[in-house]
């Protein structure tokens, strides 16, 4: 005989898994041209920069202007950068993950 508390446990487990999926939705870095960085990047965006020396830094943008981009600890001038990439959520990939998790929850 099934316990009365079983359905709430399953519902709680499903909600936890779905919340975990939302928290870890598929993010990807997209290349941003330096010429339009001031229009494509906003404060609080997560970016990754590659310097002329080959060093990579990932951080949350605090300020951006025509001369460069600033993070919490450092400012990077555009002339010292090789590449700027902005973190974006990949909606299609996230939907596939949610659909697979939903299917797994239905089958379990």
C-alpha atoms as a PDB file:
ATOM      1  CA  UNK A   1       0.000   0.000   0.000  1.00  0.00           C
ATOM      2  CA  UNK A   2       1.311   3.473  -0.900  1.00  0.00           C
ATOM      3  CA  UNK A   3       2.046   6.026   1.732  1.00  0.00           C
ATOM      4  CA  UNK A   4       0.090   9.272   1.713  1.00  0.00           C
ATOM      5  CA  UNK A   5       3.331  11.272   1.951  1.00  0.00           C
ATOM      6  CA  UNK A   6       4.801   9.801  -1.232  1.00  0.00           C
ATOM      7  CA  UNK A   7       3.274  12.223  -3.796  1.00  0.00           C
ATOM      8  CA  UNK A   8       4.495  15.375  -1.956  1.00  0.00           C
ATOM      9  CA  UNK A   9       8.002  13.883  -1.776  1.00  0.00           C
ATOM     10  CA  UNK A  10       7.998  13.198  -5.503  1.00  0.00           C
ATOM     11  CA  UNK A  11       6.689  16.697  -6.225  1.00  0.00           C
ATOM     12  CA  UNK A  12       9.356  18.221  -4.003  1.00  0.00           C
ATOM     13  CA  UNK A  13      12.037  16.157  -5.726  1.00  0.00           C
ATOM     14  CA  UNK A  14      10.793  17.282  -9.159  1.00  0.00           C
ATOM     15  CA  UNK A  15      10.809  20.908  -8.082  1.00  0.00           C
ATOM     16  CA  UNK A  16      14.356  20.610  -6.748  1.00  0.00           C
ATOM     17  CA  UNK A  17      15.584  19.063  -9.996  1.00  0.00           C
ATOM     18  CA  UNK A  18      13.843  21.715 -12.105  1.00  0.00           C
ATOM     19  CA  UNK A  19      15.281  24.497  -9.941  1.00  0.00           C
ATOM     20  CA  UNK A  20      18.739  22.961 -10.332  1.00  0.00           C
ATOM     21  CA  UNK A  21      18.254  22.939 -14.109  1.00  0.00           C
ATOM     22  CA  UNK A  22      17.221  26.579 -14.095  1.00  0.00           C
ATOM     23  CA  UNK A  23      20.207  27.530 -11.981  1.00  0.00           C
ATOM     24  CA  UNK A  24      22.596  25.714 -14.305  1.00  0.00           C
ATOM     25  CA  UNK A  25      21.000  26.586 -17.627  1.00  0.00           C
ATOM     26  CA  UNK A  26      23.373  26.345 -20.542  1.00  0.00           C
ATOM     27  CA  UNK A  27      25.509  29.447 -20.854  1.00  0.00           C
ATOM     28  CA  UNK A  28      27.990  30.129 -23.605  1.00  0.00           C
ATOM     29  CA  UNK A  29      30.457  32.883 -24.415  1.00  0.00           C
ATOM     30  CA  UNK A  30      29.847  34.874 -27.607  1.00  0.00           C
ATOM     31  CA  UNK A  31      32.544  36.990 -29.235  1.00  0.00           C
ATOM     32  CA  UNK A  32      32.003  40.772 -29.102  1.00  0.00           C
ATOM     33  CA  UNK A  33      33.714  43.090 -31.573  1.00  0.00           C
ATOM     34  CA  UNK A  34      35.790  45.732 -29.811  1.00  0.00           C
ATOM     35  CA  UNK A  35      34.321  48.423 -32.059  1.00  0.00           C
ATOM     36  CA  UNK A  36      30.825  47.897 -30.639  1.00  0.00           C
ATOM     37  CA  UNK A  37      31.695  46.668 -27.148  1.00  0.00           C
ATOM     38  CA  UNK A  38      30.199  49.756 -25.499  1.00  0.00           C
ATOM     39  CA  UNK A  39      26.798  48.999 -27.034  1.00  0.00           C
ATOM     40  CA  UNK A  40      26.841  45.214 -26.562  1.00  0.00           C
ATOM     41  CA  UNK A  41      28.232  45.023 -23.021  1.00  0.00           C
ATOM     42  CA  UNK A  42      26.494  46.497 -20.001  1.00  0.00           C
ATOM     43  CA  UNK A  43      27.557  46.797 -16.360  1.00  0.00           C
ATOM     44  CA  UNK A  44      26.793  43.542 -14.468  1.00  0.00           C
ATOM     45  CA  UNK A  45      27.347  41.422 -17.630  1.00  0.00           C
ATOM     46  CA  UNK A  46      29.726  38.495 -17.243  1.00  0.00           C
ATOM     47  CA  UNK A  47      32.568  38.647 -19.754  1.00  0.00           C
ATOM     48  CA  UNK A  48      35.847  36.908 -20.533  1.00  0.00           C
ATOM     49  CA  UNK A  49      38.768  38.851 -21.982  1.00  0.00           C
ATOM     50  CA  UNK A  50      41.990  37.599 -23.547  1.00  0.00           C
ATOM     51  CA  UNK A  51      45.014  39.895 -23.342  1.00  0.00           C
ATOM     52  CA  UNK A  52      47.858  40.303 -25.843  1.00  0.00           C
ATOM     53  CA  UNK A  53      49.993  38.163 -23.504  1.00  0.00           C
ATOM     54  CA  UNK A  54      47.485  35.284 -23.793  1.00  0.00           C
ATOM     55  CA  UNK A  55      46.051  35.644 -20.286  1.00  0.00           C
ATOM     56  CA  UNK A  56      42.316  35.075 -19.816  1.00  0.00           C
ATOM     57  CA  UNK A  57      40.212  36.840 -17.200  1.00  0.00           C
ATOM     58  CA  UNK A  58      36.528  36.242 -16.490  1.00  0.00           C
ATOM     59  CA  UNK A  59      34.634  38.778 -14.404  1.00  0.00           C
ATOM     60  CA  UNK A  60      31.488  40.836 -13.936  1.00  0.00           C
ATOM     61  CA  UNK A  61      31.670  44.230 -15.661  1.00  0.00           C
ATOM     62  CA  UNK A  62      31.599  47.228 -13.334  1.00  0.00           C
ATOM     63  CA  UNK A  63      32.133  49.940 -15.962  1.00  0.00           C
ATOM     64  CA  UNK A  64      32.695  50.233 -19.691  1.00  0.00           C
ATOM     65  CA  UNK A  65      33.610  53.221 -21.863  1.00  0.00           C
ATOM     66  CA  UNK A  66      35.396  54.101 -25.108  1.00  0.00           C
ATOM     67  CA  UNK A  67      38.840  53.332 -23.647  1.00  0.00           C
ATOM     68  CA  UNK A  68      38.231  49.972 -21.995  1.00  0.00           C
ATOM     69  CA  UNK A  69      36.329  47.737 -19.625  1.00  0.00           C
ATOM     70  CA  UNK A  70      36.640  47.539 -15.845  1.00  0.00           C
ATOM     71  CA  UNK A  71      36.090  44.649 -13.483  1.00  0.00           C
ATOM     72  CA  UNK A  72      36.236  44.437  -9.712  1.00  0.00           C
ATOM     73  CA  UNK A  73      40.039  44.407  -9.527  1.00  0.00           C
ATOM     74  CA  UNK A  74      41.348  45.646 -12.853  1.00  0.00           C
ATOM     75  CA  UNK A  75      40.746  47.819 -15.908  1.00  0.00           C
ATOM     76  CA  UNK A  76      41.537  46.506 -19.392  1.00  0.00           C
ATOM     77  CA  UNK A  77      42.261  48.925 -22.242  1.00  0.00           C
ATOM     78  CA  UNK A  78      40.991  47.782 -25.635  1.00  0.00           C
ATOM     79  CA  UNK A  79      44.435  48.123 -27.220  1.00  0.00           C
ATOM     80  CA  UNK A  80      45.766  45.480 -24.778  1.00  0.00           C
ATOM     81  CA  UNK A  81      43.018  42.969 -25.585  1.00  0.00           C
ATOM     82  CA  UNK A  82      42.809  40.340 -28.293  1.00  0.00           C
ATOM     83  CA  UNK A  83      39.253  39.207 -27.610  1.00  0.00           C
ATOM     84  CA  UNK A  84      36.177  40.023 -25.535  1.00  0.00           C
ATOM     85  CA  UNK A  85      33.458  37.422 -25.017  1.00  0.00           C
ATOM     86  CA  UNK A  86      30.087  37.979 -23.330  1.00  0.00           C
ATOM     87  CA  UNK A  87      28.298  35.219 -21.418  1.00  0.00           C
ATOM     88  CA  UNK A  88      24.824  34.513 -22.795  1.00  0.00           C
ATOM     89  CA  UNK A  89      22.230  31.857 -22.060  1.00  0.00           C
ATOM     90  CA  UNK A  90      21.803  29.402 -24.901  1.00  0.00           C
ATOM     91  CA  UNK A  91      18.011  29.103 -24.944  1.00  0.00           C
ATOM     92  CA  UNK A  92      17.803  26.163 -27.359  1.00  0.00           C
ATOM     93  CA  UNK A  93      20.331  24.074 -25.454  1.00  0.00           C
ATOM     94  CA  UNK A  94      18.607  24.932 -22.159  1.00  0.00           C
ATOM     95  CA  UNK A  95      15.235  23.826 -23.552  1.00  0.00           C
ATOM     96  CA  UNK A  96      16.720  20.473 -24.587  1.00  0.00           C
ATOM     97  CA  UNK A  97      18.107  19.964 -21.075  1.00  0.00           C
ATOM     98  CA  UNK A  98      14.759  20.888 -19.484  1.00  0.00           C
ATOM     99  CA  UNK A  99      12.897  18.533 -21.835  1.00  0.00           C
ATOM    100  CA  UNK A 100      15.252  15.633 -21.056  1.00  0.00           C
ATOM    101  CA  UNK A 101      15.016  16.237 -17.316  1.00  0.00           C
ATOM    102  CA  UNK A 102      11.231  16.507 -17.550  1.00  0.00           C
ATOM    103  CA  UNK A 103      11.082  13.229 -19.485  1.00  0.00           C
ATOM    104  CA  UNK A 104      13.318  11.541 -16.923  1.00  0.00           C
ATOM    105  CA  UNK A 105      11.092  12.778 -14.097  1.00  0.00           C
ATOM    106  CA  UNK A 106       7.982  11.446 -15.832  1.00  0.00           C
ATOM    107  CA  UNK A 107       9.569   8.038 -16.376  1.00  0.00           C
ATOM    108  CA  UNK A 108      10.888   7.738 -12.814  1.00  0.00           C
END
